[in-house]
Amino acid sequence: MKVQTGLPKPNKKIKTKYSDLKLTIKDFDKYVLTSIRLNRKFFFYILKSKKDYNFKGQIKYKNNFYLVLE
């Protein structure tokens, strides 16, 4: 079974010239999901929403709610 890592297309990718940092951003109707890959082995997701879902560890900043998913 193949395990999907990253976000389905279409998405926006941002690559840096001097680093292994790669951002992939996917806009959904109610939230934005950003995949951050620091190297080939370590990556995580950030969920950004205008709605408060009351997740444990959720952060509110400038009328948006953020959650880090590892």
PDB file of N, CA and C in Angstrom:
ATOM      1  N   MET A   1       0.840  -1.171   0.000  1.00  0.00           N
ATOM      2  CA  MET A   1       0.000   0.000   0.000  1.00  0.00           C
ATOM      3  C   MET A   1       0.889   1.240   0.000  1.00  0.00           C
ATOM      4  N   LYS A   2       0.581   2.188  -0.866  1.00  0.00           N
ATOM      5  CA  LYS A   2       1.359   3.417  -0.974  1.00  0.00           C
ATOM      6  C   LYS A   2       0.804   4.454  -0.004  1.00  0.00           C
ATOM      7  N   VAL A   3       1.673   5.050   0.794  1.00  0.00           N
ATOM      8  CA  VAL A   3       1.283   6.089   1.735  1.00  0.00           C
ATOM      9  C   VAL A   3       1.588   7.438   1.111  1.00  0.00           C
ATOM     10  N   GLN A   4       0.570   8.307   1.094  1.00  0.00           N
ATOM     11  CA  GLN A   4       0.757   9.630   0.504  1.00  0.00           C
ATOM     12  C   GLN A   4       1.389  10.564   1.512  1.00  0.00           C
ATOM     13  N   THR A   5       2.472  11.210   1.109  1.00  0.00           N
ATOM     14  CA  THR A   5       3.074  12.256   1.925  1.00  0.00           C
ATOM     15  C   THR A   5       2.950  13.549   1.145  1.00  0.00           C
ATOM     16  N   GLY A   6       2.547  14.596   1.804  1.00  0.00           N
ATOM     17  CA  GLY A   6       2.361  15.869   1.126  1.00  0.00           C
ATOM     18  C   GLY A   6       0.897  16.120   0.842  1.00  0.00           C
ATOM     19  N   LEU A   7       0.621  17.111   0.027  1.00  0.00           N
ATOM     20  CA  LEU A   7      -0.742  17.533  -0.257  1.00  0.00           C
ATOM     21  C   LEU A   7      -1.111  17.204  -1.697  1.00  0.00           C
ATOM     22  N   PRO A   8      -2.394  16.868  -1.950  1.00  0.00           N
ATOM     23  CA  PRO A   8      -2.814  16.577  -3.317  1.00  0.00           C
ATOM     24  C   PRO A   8      -2.789  17.818  -4.197  1.00  0.00           C
ATOM     25  N   LYS A   9      -2.631  17.625  -5.481  1.00  0.00           N
ATOM     26  CA  LYS A   9      -2.589  18.739  -6.422  1.00  0.00           C
ATOM     27  C   LYS A   9      -3.995  19.145  -6.789  1.00  0.00           C
ATOM     28  N   PRO A  10      -4.282  20.354  -7.214  1.00  0.00           N
ATOM     29  CA  PRO A  10      -3.338  21.456  -7.424  1.00  0.00           C
ATOM     30  C   PRO A  10      -2.975  22.138  -6.104  1.00  0.00           C
ATOM     31  N   ASN A  11      -1.744  22.533  -5.990  1.00  0.00           N
ATOM     32  CA  ASN A  11      -1.275  23.237  -4.806  1.00  0.00           C
ATOM     33  C   ASN A  11      -0.180  24.205  -5.222  1.00  0.00           C
ATOM     34  N   LYS A  12       0.246  25.044  -4.289  1.00  0.00           N
ATOM     35  CA  LYS A  12       1.325  25.999  -4.545  1.00  0.00           C
ATOM     36  C   LYS A  12       2.576  25.509  -3.841  1.00  0.00           C
ATOM     37  N   LYS A  13       3.706  25.489  -4.530  1.00  0.00           N
ATOM     38  CA  LYS A  13       4.966  25.085  -3.928  1.00  0.00           C
ATOM     39  C   LYS A  13       5.919  26.266  -3.895  1.00  0.00           C
ATOM     40  N   ILE A  14       6.628  26.390  -2.795  1.00  0.00           N
ATOM     41  CA  ILE A  14       7.638  27.429  -2.640  1.00  0.00           C
ATOM     42  C   ILE A  14       8.944  26.721  -2.301  1.00  0.00           C
ATOM     43  N   LYS A  15       9.943  26.853  -3.152  1.00  0.00           N
ATOM     44  CA  LYS A  15      11.244  26.225  -2.917  1.00  0.00           C
ATOM     45  C   LYS A  15      12.291  27.315  -2.713  1.00  0.00           C
ATOM     46  N   THR A  16      13.237  27.050  -1.827  1.00  0.00           N
ATOM     47  CA  THR A  16      14.314  28.004  -1.610  1.00  0.00           C
ATOM     48  C   THR A  16      15.536  27.582  -2.416  1.00  0.00           C
ATOM     49  N   LYS A  17      16.368  28.523  -2.728  1.00  0.00           N
ATOM     50  CA  LYS A  17      17.546  28.254  -3.557  1.00  0.00           C
ATOM     51  C   LYS A  17      18.684  27.638  -2.753  1.00  0.00           C
ATOM     52  N   TYR A  18      18.813  28.002  -1.467  1.00  0.00           N
ATOM     53  CA  TYR A  18      19.981  27.596  -0.693  1.00  0.00           C
ATOM     54  C   TYR A  18      19.664  26.646   0.456  1.00  0.00           C
ATOM     55  N   SER A  19      18.475  26.066   0.459  1.00  0.00           N
ATOM     56  CA  SER A  19      18.105  25.232   1.599  1.00  0.00           C
ATOM     57  C   SER A  19      17.230  24.075   1.150  1.00  0.00           C
ATOM     58  N   ASP A  20      17.010  23.127   2.054  1.00  0.00           N
ATOM     59  CA  ASP A  20      16.137  22.002   1.788  1.00  0.00           C
ATOM     60  C   ASP A  20      14.710  22.275   2.248  1.00  0.00           C
ATOM     61  N   LEU A  21      14.401  23.521   2.575  1.00  0.00           N
ATOM     62  CA  LEU A  21      13.059  23.887   3.015  1.00  0.00           C
ATOM     63  C   LEU A  21      12.114  23.933   1.819  1.00  0.00           C
ATOM     64  N   LYS A  22      10.955  23.249   1.964  1.00  0.00           N
ATOM     65  CA  LYS A  22       9.960  23.244   0.902  1.00  0.00           C
ATOM     66  C   LYS A  22       8.583  23.432   1.530  1.00  0.00           C
ATOM     67  N   LEU A  23       7.829  24.421   1.054  1.00  0.00           N
ATOM     68  CA  LEU A  23       6.470  24.683   1.520  1.00  0.00           C
ATOM     69  C   LEU A  23       5.492  24.306   0.421  1.00  0.00           C
ATOM     70  N   THR A  24       4.419  23.608   0.796  1.00  0.00           N
ATOM     71  CA  THR A  24       3.342  23.299  -0.127  1.00  0.00           C
ATOM     72  C   THR A  24       2.050  23.773   0.523  1.00  0.00           C
ATOM     73  N   ILE A  25       1.290  24.606  -0.173  1.00  0.00           N
ATOM     74  CA  ILE A  25       0.105  25.236   0.393  1.00  0.00           C
ATOM     75  C   ILE A  25      -1.127  24.802  -0.400  1.00  0.00           C
ATOM     76  N   LYS A  26      -2.149  24.329   0.325  1.00  0.00           N
ATOM     77  CA  LYS A  26      -3.394  23.895  -0.301  1.00  0.00           C
ATOM     78  C   LYS A  26      -4.552  24.636   0.350  1.00  0.00           C
ATOM     79  N   ASP A  27      -5.343  25.350  -0.467  1.00  0.00           N
ATOM     80  CA  ASP A  27      -6.509  26.084   0.015  1.00  0.00           C
ATOM     81  C   ASP A  27      -7.750  25.210  -0.104  1.00  0.00           C
ATOM     82  N   PHE A  28      -8.430  24.998   1.018  1.00  0.00           N
ATOM     83  CA  PHE A  28      -9.711  24.312   1.036  1.00  0.00           C
ATOM     84  C   PHE A  28     -10.783  25.344   1.362  1.00  0.00           C
ATOM     85  N   ASP A  29     -12.039  24.957   1.360  1.00  0.00           N
ATOM     86  CA  ASP A  29     -13.129  25.912   1.599  1.00  0.00           C
ATOM     87  C   ASP A  29     -13.048  26.570   2.969  1.00  0.00           C
ATOM     88  N   LYS A  30     -12.797  25.784   4.009  1.00  0.00           N
ATOM     89  CA  LYS A  30     -12.862  26.305   5.374  1.00  0.00           C
ATOM     90  C   LYS A  30     -11.511  26.474   6.045  1.00  0.00           C
ATOM     91  N   TYR A  31     -10.440  26.024   5.408  1.00  0.00           N
ATOM     92  CA  TYR A  31      -9.125  26.112   6.023  1.00  0.00           C
ATOM     93  C   TYR A  31      -8.034  26.055   4.961  1.00  0.00           C
ATOM     94  N   VAL A  32      -6.811  26.382   5.394  1.00  0.00           N
ATOM     95  CA  VAL A  32      -5.620  26.292   4.544  1.00  0.00           C
ATOM     96  C   VAL A  32      -4.668  25.308   5.217  1.00  0.00           C
ATOM     97  N   LEU A  33      -4.171  24.359   4.446  1.00  0.00           N
ATOM     98  CA  LEU A  33      -3.239  23.362   4.970  1.00  0.00           C
ATOM     99  C   LEU A  33      -1.883  23.589   4.318  1.00  0.00           C
ATOM    100  N   THR A  34      -0.850  23.779   5.138  1.00  0.00           N
ATOM    101  CA  THR A  34       0.500  24.029   4.655  1.00  0.00           C
ATOM    102  C   THR A  34       1.395  22.885   5.089  1.00  0.00           C
ATOM    103  N   SER A  35       2.079  22.277   4.130  1.00  0.00           N
ATOM    104  CA  SER A  35       3.053  21.231   4.406  1.00  0.00           C
ATOM    105  C   SER A  35       4.432  21.876   4.412  1.00  0.00           C
ATOM    106  N   ILE A  36       5.190  21.646   5.491  1.00  0.00           N
ATOM    107  CA  ILE A  36       6.535  22.203   5.597  1.00  0.00           C
ATOM    108  C   ILE A  36       7.513  21.040   5.688  1.00  0.00           C
ATOM    109  N   ARG A  37       8.397  20.947   4.708  1.00  0.00           N
ATOM    110  CA  ARG A  37       9.393  19.873   4.673  1.00  0.00           C
ATOM    111  C   ARG A  37      10.768  20.507   4.867  1.00  0.00           C
ATOM    112  N   LEU A  38      11.435  20.145   5.967  1.00  0.00           N
ATOM    113  CA  LEU A  38      12.746  20.716   6.269  1.00  0.00           C
ATOM    114  C   LEU A  38      13.877  19.906   5.659  1.00  0.00           C
ATOM    115  N   ASN A  39      13.677  18.644   5.526  1.00  0.00           N
ATOM    116  CA  ASN A  39      14.602  17.774   4.811  1.00  0.00           C
ATOM    117  C   ASN A  39      13.803  16.564   4.363  1.00  0.00           C
ATOM    118  N   ARG A  40      14.430  15.553   3.850  1.00  0.00           N
ATOM    119  CA  ARG A  40      13.685  14.412   3.316  1.00  0.00           C
ATOM    120  C   ARG A  40      12.971  13.598   4.388  1.00  0.00           C
ATOM    121  N   LYS A  41      13.418  13.682   5.628  1.00  0.00           N
ATOM    122  CA  LYS A  41      12.841  12.853   6.678  1.00  0.00           C
ATOM    123  C   LYS A  41      11.872  13.600   7.588  1.00  0.00           C
ATOM    124  N   PHE A  42      12.006  14.908   7.742  1.00  0.00           N
ATOM    125  CA  PHE A  42      11.214  15.655   8.718  1.00  0.00           C
ATOM    126  C   PHE A  42      10.261  16.604   8.018  1.00  0.00           C
ATOM    127  N   PHE A  43       8.979  16.422   8.267  1.00  0.00           N
ATOM    128  CA  PHE A  43       7.993  17.365   7.751  1.00  0.00           C
ATOM    129  C   PHE A  43       6.805  17.411   8.703  1.00  0.00           C
ATOM    130  N   PHE A  44       6.052  18.501   8.610  1.00  0.00           N
ATOM    131  CA  PHE A  44       4.855  18.660   9.420  1.00  0.00           C
ATOM    132  C   PHE A  44       3.873  19.545   8.676  1.00  0.00           C
ATOM    133  N   TYR A  45       2.656  19.628   9.192  1.00  0.00           N
ATOM    134  CA  TYR A  45       1.595  20.413   8.584  1.00  0.00           C
ATOM    135  C   TYR A  45       1.139  21.505   9.541  1.00  0.00           C
ATOM    136  N   ILE A  46       0.686  22.612   8.988  1.00  0.00           N
ATOM    137  CA  ILE A  46       0.065  23.676   9.769  1.00  0.00           C
ATOM    138  C   ILE A  46      -1.332  23.900   9.205  1.00  0.00           C
ATOM    139  N   LEU A  47      -2.317  23.800  10.075  1.00  0.00           N
ATOM    140  CA  LEU A  47      -3.710  24.025   9.718  1.00  0.00           C
ATOM    141  C   LEU A  47      -4.084  25.440  10.136  1.00  0.00           C
ATOM    142  N   LYS A  48      -4.568  26.249   9.184  1.00  0.00           N
ATOM    143  CA  LYS A  48      -4.973  27.640   9.462  1.00  0.00           C
ATOM    144  C   LYS A  48      -6.455  27.771   9.143  1.00  0.00           C
ATOM    145  N   SER A  49      -7.211  28.314  10.092  1.00  0.00           N
ATOM    146  CA  SER A  49      -8.650  28.439   9.919  1.00  0.00           C
ATOM    147  C   SER A  49      -9.148  29.727  10.558  1.00  0.00           C
ATOM    148  N   LYS A  50     -10.241  30.249  10.047  1.00  0.00           N
ATOM    149  CA  LYS A  50     -10.888  31.400  10.675  1.00  0.00           C
ATOM    150  C   LYS A  50     -11.857  30.936  11.755  1.00  0.00           C
ATOM    151  N   LYS A  51     -12.230  29.658  11.734  1.00  0.00           N
ATOM    152  CA  LYS A  51     -13.182  29.104  12.697  1.00  0.00           C
ATOM    153  C   LYS A  51     -12.422  28.419  13.832  1.00  0.00           C
ATOM    154  N   ASP A  52     -12.921  28.564  15.054  1.00  0.00           N
ATOM    155  CA  ASP A  52     -12.336  27.929  16.228  1.00  0.00           C
ATOM    156  C   ASP A  52     -12.867  26.507  16.341  1.00  0.00           C
ATOM    157  N   TYR A  53     -11.992  25.513  16.142  1.00  0.00           N
ATOM    158  CA  TYR A  53     -12.388  24.109  16.239  1.00  0.00           C
ATOM    159  C   TYR A  53     -12.108  23.520  17.625  1.00  0.00           C
ATOM    160  N   ASN A  54     -11.540  24.320  18.529  1.00  0.00           N
ATOM    161  CA  ASN A  54     -11.222  23.890  19.901  1.00  0.00           C
ATOM    162  C   ASN A  54     -10.294  22.680  19.950  1.00  0.00           C
ATOM    163  N   PHE A  55      -9.315  22.636  19.059  1.00  0.00           N
ATOM    164  CA  PHE A  55      -8.308  21.574  19.116  1.00  0.00           C
ATOM    165  C   PHE A  55      -7.322  21.871  20.232  1.00  0.00           C
ATOM    166  N   LYS A  56      -6.844  20.840  20.871  1.00  0.00           N
ATOM    167  CA  LYS A  56      -5.823  21.001  21.906  1.00  0.00           C
ATOM    168  C   LYS A  56      -4.531  21.485  21.242  1.00  0.00           C
ATOM    169  N   GLY A  57      -3.945  22.542  21.779  1.00  0.00           N
ATOM    170  CA  GLY A  57      -2.713  23.091  21.222  1.00  0.00           C
ATOM    171  C   GLY A  57      -2.943  24.121  20.137  1.00  0.00           C
ATOM    172  N   GLN A  58      -4.188  24.463  19.876  1.00  0.00           N
ATOM    173  CA  GLN A  58      -4.522  25.453  18.864  1.00  0.00           C
ATOM    174  C   GLN A  58      -4.101  26.847  19.326  1.00  0.00           C
ATOM    175  N   ILE A  59      -3.597  27.664  18.400  1.00  0.00           N
ATOM    176  CA  ILE A  59      -3.126  29.015  18.705  1.00  0.00           C
ATOM    177  C   ILE A  59      -3.980  30.017  17.940  1.00  0.00           C
ATOM    178  N   LYS A  60      -4.409  31.087  18.611  1.00  0.00           N
ATOM    179  CA  LYS A  60      -5.129  32.165  17.946  1.00  0.00           C
ATOM    180  C   LYS A  60      -4.159  33.317  17.718  1.00  0.00           C
ATOM    181  N   TYR A  61      -4.120  33.812  16.470  1.00  0.00           N
ATOM    182  CA  TYR A  61      -3.253  34.928  16.123  1.00  0.00           C
ATOM    183  C   TYR A  61      -3.939  35.745  15.035  1.00  0.00           C
ATOM    184  N   LYS A  62      -4.213  37.005  15.311  1.00  0.00           N
ATOM    185  CA  LYS A  62      -4.823  37.940  14.359  1.00  0.00           C
ATOM    186  C   LYS A  62      -6.079  37.354  13.699  1.00  0.00           C
ATOM    187  N   ASN A  63      -7.043  36.950  14.502  1.00  0.00           N
ATOM    188  CA  ASN A  63      -8.335  36.432  14.048  1.00  0.00           C
ATOM    189  C   ASN A  63      -8.252  35.142  13.244  1.00  0.00           C
ATOM    190  N   ASN A  64      -7.136  34.441  13.303  1.00  0.00           N
ATOM    191  CA  ASN A  64      -6.988  33.125  12.682  1.00  0.00           C
ATOM    192  C   ASN A  64      -6.584  32.128  13.753  1.00  0.00           C
ATOM    193  N   PHE A  65      -6.878  30.864  13.508  1.00  0.00           N
ATOM    194  CA  PHE A  65      -6.504  29.787  14.422  1.00  0.00           C
ATOM    195  C   PHE A  65      -5.537  28.864  13.708  1.00  0.00           C
ATOM    196  N   TYR A  66      -4.456  28.484  14.392  1.00  0.00           N
ATOM    197  CA  TYR A  66      -3.394  27.660  13.827  1.00  0.00           C
ATOM    198  C   TYR A  66      -3.214  26.410  14.664  1.00  0.00           C
ATOM    199  N   LEU A  67      -2.924  25.298  13.990  1.00  0.00           N
ATOM    200  CA  LEU A  67      -2.663  24.051  14.667  1.00  0.00           C
ATOM    201  C   LEU A  67      -1.522  23.345  13.936  1.00  0.00           C
ATOM    202  N   VAL A  68      -0.503  22.928  14.666  1.00  0.00           N
ATOM    203  CA  VAL A  68       0.627  22.200  14.083  1.00  0.00           C
ATOM    204  C   VAL A  68       0.331  20.711  14.174  1.00  0.00           C
ATOM    205  N   LEU A  69       0.404  20.021  13.039  1.00  0.00           N
ATOM    206  CA  LEU A  69       0.187  18.581  12.974  1.00  0.00           C
ATOM    207  C   LEU A  69       1.496  17.910  12.594  1.00  0.00           C
ATOM    208  N   GLU A  70       1.913  16.943  13.390  1.00  0.00           N
ATOM    209  CA  GLU A  70       3.179  16.253  13.084  1.00  0.00           C
ATOM    210  C   GLU A  70       2.924  14.870  12.563  1.00  0.00           C
TER     211      GLU A  70
END
